Amino acid sequence: MKPGIYLEHKPVGATSFSLVQTLMNEVEAAGLTRKQLPVCHGGTLDPFAEGLLLLLAGPATHLMELLHAVPKTYEAEVVWGVETDNGDLLGQVTREGDATSLTPETLDAALAPFLGWTEQVPPATSAKKVGGEPAYKKAHRGEAVELPPSRVYLHEAHWLSHELPHHSRLSLTCRGGYYVRALARDLGRALGCGAHLARLHRTAIGPWKDPGPGGRVWLHGPELLPWCRSRVIAGDEVNDLKHGRTVPLGEVRPPEWRLPEGFPDPEAPVRALQRGRLVALLREQDGHLSTVTHLWSGL
């Protein structure tokens, strides 16, 4: 077991934490403690959903916040005529409506207002914190949950196919923090018929693709955060950075993977690479680079 980011496929029915638990068990089986190689996930998937889950091991756990602002791509199946309390097929029916008048043209028009930056109310069964506790825990106890709207970004969305008036398949790319379940709910309300998700598949996060059932891909070194610029640093510069000193800007290389055109700037740091390992994240200021996150043991 090595530090880095692991691309895993989460199957339908499994929780995101169950995959974290499996990797932690492998860490212990390899003779390491959880303190020596901590593990977390880089963005949850609901139990009914499947697809790419990022598992962060060792110092890579410090990269979690940087994953939020990059594109996430999904394919979803939206069922028309029924709204549920949690936005997916496992929830309780809260509303039923007539979807017989839906057409592909109507659905194209309904989707357009949701593109770009909008305000979105998360599902009551989301992981958003309410009083320090995830909302879904309160909802599962039967407590009323009212979440404030969040500022979210939907970069691109288009319908893949329709079997009207029953369901449609949708492809979308969004920023982290976006709830596809909430999009289905809001589309159903806008159309007056109700809607929920029957299927959700996360196919990609940034440049990384779902490895498929049973697949696992280990990322390390320059493969990590390829949307960030990079700077190769020498040993004496590592010493300067370790002691809080800056280093000259030097030759900063462009990102190895470009964000989609028009996608919001994630204001990504500069990766410090030493002998093929990621050892720090840096910020540029006045022609110099300073440390914002140290990963001196290397990734």
Protein backbone atom coordinates (compact mmCIF):
# COMPACT_ATOMS: atom_id res chain seq x y z
CA MET A 1 0.00 0.00 0.00
CA LYS A 2 1.38 3.38 -1.04
CA PRO A 3 0.28 7.00 -0.54
CA GLY A 4 -1.52 8.69 -3.40
CA ILE A 5 -4.96 8.76 -4.97
CA TYR A 6 -6.73 5.54 -5.93
CA LEU A 7 -9.44 5.55 -8.59
CA GLU A 8 -12.11 3.03 -7.55
CA HIS A 9 -15.47 1.98 -8.94
CA LYS A 10 -18.25 2.17 -6.36
CA PRO A 11 -21.04 -0.32 -7.18
CA VAL A 12 -24.73 0.34 -6.66
CA GLY A 13 -25.74 -0.36 -3.06
CA ALA A 14 -22.35 0.19 -1.46
CA THR A 15 -21.64 3.27 0.64
CA SER A 16 -18.65 5.47 -0.09
CA PHE A 17 -17.29 4.75 3.39
CA SER A 18 -17.44 0.99 2.76
CA LEU A 19 -14.79 1.45 0.06
CA VAL A 20 -12.72 3.56 2.47
CA GLN A 21 -13.07 0.77 5.05
CA THR A 22 -11.92 -1.86 2.54
CA LEU A 23 -8.78 0.12 1.73
CA MET A 24 -8.09 0.72 5.43
CA ASN A 25 -8.32 -3.02 6.00
CA GLU A 26 -5.77 -3.55 3.23
CA VAL A 27 -3.51 -0.96 4.87
CA GLU A 28 -3.62 -2.89 8.14
CA ALA A 29 -3.09 -6.21 6.34
CA ALA A 30 0.08 -4.70 4.84
CA GLY A 31 1.42 -4.10 8.37
CA LEU A 32 0.69 -0.37 8.54
CA THR A 33 -1.46 1.47 11.04
CA ARG A 34 -4.24 3.83 10.04
CA LYS A 35 -2.18 6.64 11.55
CA GLN A 36 0.77 5.76 9.29
CA LEU A 37 -1.40 5.70 6.16
CA PRO A 38 -4.75 7.42 6.78
CA VAL A 39 -7.46 7.02 4.13
CA CYS A 40 -10.47 9.13 3.16
CA HIS A 41 -12.62 9.61 0.06
CA GLY A 42 -12.54 12.66 -2.16
CA GLY A 43 -16.28 13.21 -2.58
CA THR A 44 -19.15 10.90 -1.65
CA LEU A 45 -21.51 8.98 -3.92
CA ASP A 46 -25.00 8.07 -2.70
CA PRO A 47 -25.65 4.34 -2.11
CA PHE A 48 -28.00 4.12 -5.13
CA ALA A 49 -25.32 5.65 -7.40
CA GLU A 50 -22.30 4.02 -8.97
CA GLY A 51 -19.07 5.09 -10.60
CA LEU A 52 -15.79 6.81 -9.88
CA LEU A 53 -14.84 7.31 -6.25
CA LEU A 54 -11.49 8.81 -5.29
CA LEU A 55 -9.72 7.27 -2.29
CA LEU A 56 -6.96 9.43 -0.82
CA ALA A 57 -4.19 7.71 1.12
CA GLY A 58 -1.41 9.15 3.27
CA PRO A 59 -0.47 12.80 2.66
CA ALA A 60 -2.89 12.78 -0.31
CA THR A 61 -5.67 13.30 2.26
CA HIS A 62 -4.50 16.95 2.31
CA LEU A 63 -5.51 17.30 -1.35
CA MET A 64 -9.24 16.75 -0.73
CA GLU A 65 -10.30 20.42 -0.87
CA LEU A 66 -8.56 20.85 -4.25
CA LEU A 67 -10.83 18.20 -5.80
CA HIS A 68 -14.00 20.16 -5.11
CA ALA A 69 -13.51 22.81 -7.79
CA VAL A 70 -12.82 20.53 -10.79
CA PRO A 71 -15.36 19.10 -13.26
CA LYS A 72 -17.40 16.04 -12.34
CA THR A 73 -19.25 14.22 -15.11
CA TYR A 74 -22.35 12.09 -14.63
CA GLU A 75 -24.91 10.12 -16.58
CA ALA A 76 -28.35 10.00 -14.99
CA GLU A 77 -31.73 8.47 -15.62
CA VAL A 78 -34.60 10.81 -14.75
CA VAL A 79 -38.04 9.29 -14.11
CA TRP A 80 -40.97 11.59 -14.86
CA GLY A 81 -44.27 11.85 -13.02
CA VAL A 82 -43.10 10.99 -9.50
CA GLU A 83 -41.20 13.09 -6.92
CA THR A 84 -39.64 11.42 -3.88
CA ASP A 85 -38.55 12.89 -0.58
CA ASN A 86 -34.86 12.25 -1.21
CA GLY A 87 -34.82 12.68 -4.99
CA ASP A 88 -34.02 9.06 -5.90
CA LEU A 89 -35.80 5.74 -6.39
CA LEU A 90 -35.26 4.67 -2.76
CA GLY A 91 -37.26 7.57 -1.33
CA GLN A 92 -40.90 7.90 -0.33
CA VAL A 93 -43.27 9.24 -2.99
CA THR A 94 -44.30 12.80 -2.14
CA ARG A 95 -45.96 13.86 -5.38
CA GLU A 96 -47.29 12.38 -8.60
CA GLY A 97 -48.11 14.23 -11.79
CA ASP A 98 -49.02 13.86 -15.45
CA ALA A 99 -45.97 13.64 -17.74
CA THR A 100 -47.80 12.75 -20.96
CA SER A 101 -47.32 16.22 -22.46
CA LEU A 102 -43.51 16.11 -22.24
CA THR A 103 -41.55 16.37 -25.50
CA PRO A 104 -37.82 16.48 -26.25
CA GLU A 105 -38.20 20.17 -27.10
CA THR A 106 -39.94 20.86 -23.79
CA LEU A 107 -37.16 19.11 -21.89
CA ASP A 108 -34.42 21.01 -23.74
CA ALA A 109 -36.09 24.28 -22.81
CA ALA A 110 -36.55 23.21 -19.17
CA LEU A 111 -32.86 22.33 -18.81
CA ALA A 112 -31.50 25.65 -20.08
CA PRO A 113 -32.23 27.79 -16.95
CA PHE A 114 -30.20 25.44 -14.77
CA LEU A 115 -26.93 26.00 -16.68
CA GLY A 116 -24.20 28.18 -15.15
CA TRP A 117 -24.23 29.46 -11.57
CA THR A 118 -27.56 28.99 -9.77
CA GLU A 119 -28.96 28.62 -6.26
CA GLN A 120 -29.82 25.01 -5.38
CA VAL A 121 -31.48 23.65 -2.25
CA PRO A 122 -29.73 20.36 -1.35
CA PRO A 123 -31.88 17.28 -0.66
CA ALA A 124 -32.85 16.80 2.98
CA THR A 125 -30.97 13.48 2.87
CA SER A 126 -27.70 15.11 1.78
CA ALA A 127 -24.45 15.15 3.74
CA LYS A 128 -24.75 18.91 4.34
CA LYS A 129 -24.21 19.73 8.00
CA VAL A 130 -27.08 21.07 10.13
CA GLY A 131 -25.97 22.03 13.62
CA GLY A 132 -22.77 20.05 13.12
CA GLU A 133 -24.61 16.87 12.06
CA PRO A 134 -25.20 15.57 8.49
CA ALA A 135 -28.72 16.41 7.34
CA TYR A 136 -29.45 12.81 6.32
CA LYS A 137 -29.08 11.62 9.93
CA LYS A 138 -31.74 14.07 11.08
CA ALA A 139 -33.99 13.17 8.15
CA HIS A 140 -33.67 9.45 8.86
CA ARG A 141 -34.80 10.12 12.47
CA GLY A 142 -37.91 11.79 11.09
CA GLU A 143 -36.82 15.32 12.01
CA ALA A 144 -37.78 18.20 9.75
CA VAL A 145 -34.76 19.43 7.79
CA GLU A 146 -34.63 22.79 6.04
CA LEU A 147 -31.42 23.49 4.20
CA PRO A 148 -30.49 26.90 2.81
CA PRO A 149 -29.73 27.14 -0.91
CA SER A 150 -26.13 26.73 -2.04
CA ARG A 151 -24.36 28.42 -4.91
CA VAL A 152 -23.66 25.66 -7.47
CA TYR A 153 -22.36 25.45 -11.03
CA LEU A 154 -23.62 23.32 -13.93
CA HIS A 155 -21.22 23.62 -16.84
CA GLU A 156 -22.93 21.50 -19.48
CA ALA A 157 -25.98 19.24 -19.75
CA HIS A 158 -27.72 17.48 -22.59
CA TRP A 159 -30.26 14.71 -23.01
CA LEU A 160 -28.87 11.43 -24.31
CA SER A 161 -32.21 9.75 -25.02
CA HIS A 162 -35.90 9.79 -24.14
CA GLU A 163 -38.56 7.16 -23.53
CA LEU A 164 -41.39 9.58 -22.84
CA PRO A 165 -43.44 9.94 -20.82
CA HIS A 166 -41.58 7.50 -18.56
CA HIS A 167 -37.93 8.48 -18.36
CA SER A 168 -34.98 10.25 -20.02
CA ARG A 169 -31.20 9.87 -19.89
CA LEU A 170 -29.06 12.90 -19.14
CA SER A 171 -25.33 13.67 -19.35
CA LEU A 172 -23.96 16.57 -17.32
CA THR A 173 -20.73 18.16 -16.13
CA CYS A 174 -20.74 20.23 -12.95
CA ARG A 175 -18.54 21.60 -10.20
CA GLY A 176 -18.23 19.81 -6.87
CA GLY A 177 -21.11 20.35 -4.46
CA TYR A 178 -23.77 19.92 -7.15
CA TYR A 179 -26.69 17.58 -6.39
CA VAL A 180 -28.02 15.78 -9.46
CA ARG A 181 -30.92 14.53 -7.33
CA ALA A 182 -31.87 18.17 -6.70
CA LEU A 183 -31.68 18.92 -10.43
CA ALA A 184 -34.14 16.09 -11.16
CA ARG A 185 -36.46 17.37 -8.41
CA ASP A 186 -36.31 20.94 -9.70
CA LEU A 187 -36.85 19.89 -13.33
CA GLY A 188 -39.94 17.94 -12.29
CA ARG A 189 -41.30 20.92 -10.40
CA ALA A 190 -40.58 23.32 -13.26
CA LEU A 191 -42.44 21.01 -15.63
CA GLY A 192 -45.29 20.48 -13.17
CA CYS A 193 -45.12 16.68 -13.24
CA GLY A 194 -42.55 15.71 -10.61
CA ALA A 195 -39.35 13.72 -11.19
CA HIS A 196 -36.65 11.70 -9.45
CA LEU A 197 -33.47 9.80 -10.31
CA ALA A 198 -33.56 6.07 -11.00
CA ARG A 199 -29.85 5.81 -11.81
CA LEU A 200 -26.71 7.92 -11.40
CA HIS A 201 -23.25 7.06 -12.72
CA ARG A 202 -20.23 9.28 -12.08
CA THR A 203 -18.09 8.67 -15.14
CA ALA A 204 -15.24 11.12 -14.53
CA ILE A 205 -13.64 13.63 -12.18
CA GLY A 206 -11.39 16.00 -14.09
CA PRO A 207 -9.25 13.84 -16.40
CA TRP A 208 -9.80 10.66 -14.38
CA LYS A 209 -12.25 8.05 -15.65
CA ASP A 210 -14.26 5.41 -13.82
CA PRO A 211 -12.09 2.23 -13.97
CA GLY A 212 -15.19 0.01 -14.03
CA PRO A 213 -16.24 -2.82 -11.68
CA GLY A 214 -13.31 -4.31 -9.82
CA GLY A 215 -10.90 -1.73 -11.23
CA ARG A 216 -8.37 0.25 -9.24
CA VAL A 217 -5.85 2.78 -10.55
CA TRP A 218 -3.06 4.26 -8.37
CA LEU A 219 -2.04 7.86 -9.08
CA HIS A 220 1.09 9.52 -7.76
CA GLY A 221 3.70 12.15 -8.63
CA PRO A 222 2.88 14.23 -11.72
CA GLU A 223 -0.36 12.28 -12.18
CA LEU A 224 -1.82 14.11 -9.17
CA LEU A 225 -3.69 17.39 -9.77
CA PRO A 226 -2.71 17.63 -13.47
CA TRP A 227 -4.86 20.77 -13.87
CA CYS A 228 -2.30 22.64 -11.73
CA ARG A 229 0.89 24.23 -13.02
CA SER A 230 4.13 22.66 -11.78
CA ARG A 231 7.63 23.68 -10.78
CA VAL A 232 10.54 21.27 -10.46
CA ILE A 233 12.50 22.13 -7.30
CA ALA A 234 15.97 21.14 -6.11
CA GLY A 235 17.12 20.01 -2.67
CA ASP A 236 18.28 23.43 -1.46
CA GLU A 237 14.92 24.91 -2.50
CA VAL A 238 13.10 22.22 -0.53
CA ASN A 239 15.10 23.29 2.50
CA ASP A 240 14.14 26.93 1.95
CA LEU A 241 10.46 26.06 1.64
CA LYS A 242 10.59 23.84 4.72
CA HIS A 243 11.88 26.78 6.74
CA GLY A 244 9.23 29.18 5.53
CA ARG A 245 11.36 30.95 2.95
CA THR A 246 10.28 31.63 -0.61
CA VAL A 247 11.97 30.44 -3.79
CA PRO A 248 12.20 32.26 -7.14
CA LEU A 249 9.34 31.71 -9.57
CA GLY A 250 11.69 30.02 -12.01
CA GLU A 251 10.30 27.87 -14.81
CA VAL A 252 6.67 27.10 -14.04
CA ARG A 253 5.25 24.53 -16.42
CA PRO A 254 1.68 24.76 -17.73
CA PRO A 255 -1.00 22.25 -16.61
CA GLU A 256 -0.90 18.81 -18.20
CA TRP A 257 -4.72 18.78 -18.39
CA ARG A 258 -6.84 21.76 -19.31
CA LEU A 259 -10.20 22.52 -17.76
CA PRO A 260 -13.14 22.69 -20.19
CA GLU A 261 -13.42 26.07 -21.88
CA GLY A 262 -15.40 28.47 -19.72
CA PHE A 263 -15.22 26.34 -16.58
CA PRO A 264 -14.69 28.47 -13.42
CA ASP A 265 -11.05 29.02 -12.49
CA PRO A 266 -10.28 26.78 -9.49
CA GLU A 267 -7.41 29.11 -8.48
CA ALA A 268 -5.21 26.06 -8.24
CA PRO A 269 -1.80 26.16 -6.56
CA VAL A 270 1.51 25.30 -8.18
CA ARG A 271 2.75 21.73 -7.67
CA ALA A 272 6.31 21.41 -6.38
CA LEU A 273 7.88 18.29 -7.91
CA GLN A 274 11.18 16.81 -6.74
CA ARG A 275 12.56 13.73 -8.49
CA GLY A 276 9.09 12.84 -9.78
CA ARG A 277 7.34 13.19 -6.42
CA LEU A 278 4.82 15.81 -5.35
CA VAL A 279 6.34 17.39 -2.22
CA ALA A 280 4.42 20.65 -1.73
CA LEU A 281 1.76 22.99 -3.07
CA LEU A 282 2.91 26.54 -3.66
CA ARG A 283 1.42 29.98 -4.24
CA GLU A 284 2.89 32.63 -6.52
CA GLN A 285 3.35 36.16 -5.21
CA ASP A 286 5.61 38.97 -6.42
CA GLY A 287 7.74 36.68 -8.57
CA HIS A 288 8.32 34.13 -5.81
CA LEU A 289 6.73 30.89 -4.60
CA SER A 290 5.81 30.07 -1.01
CA THR A 291 4.41 26.92 0.60
CA VAL A 292 0.67 26.60 1.27
CA THR A 293 0.59 22.82 1.85
CA HIS A 294 3.62 20.70 2.64
CA LEU A 295 3.86 17.05 1.59
CA TRP A 296 7.53 16.59 2.38
CA SER A 297 7.34 12.80 2.65
CA GLY A 298 6.36 12.86 -1.03
CA LEU A 299 3.54 11.49 -3.15
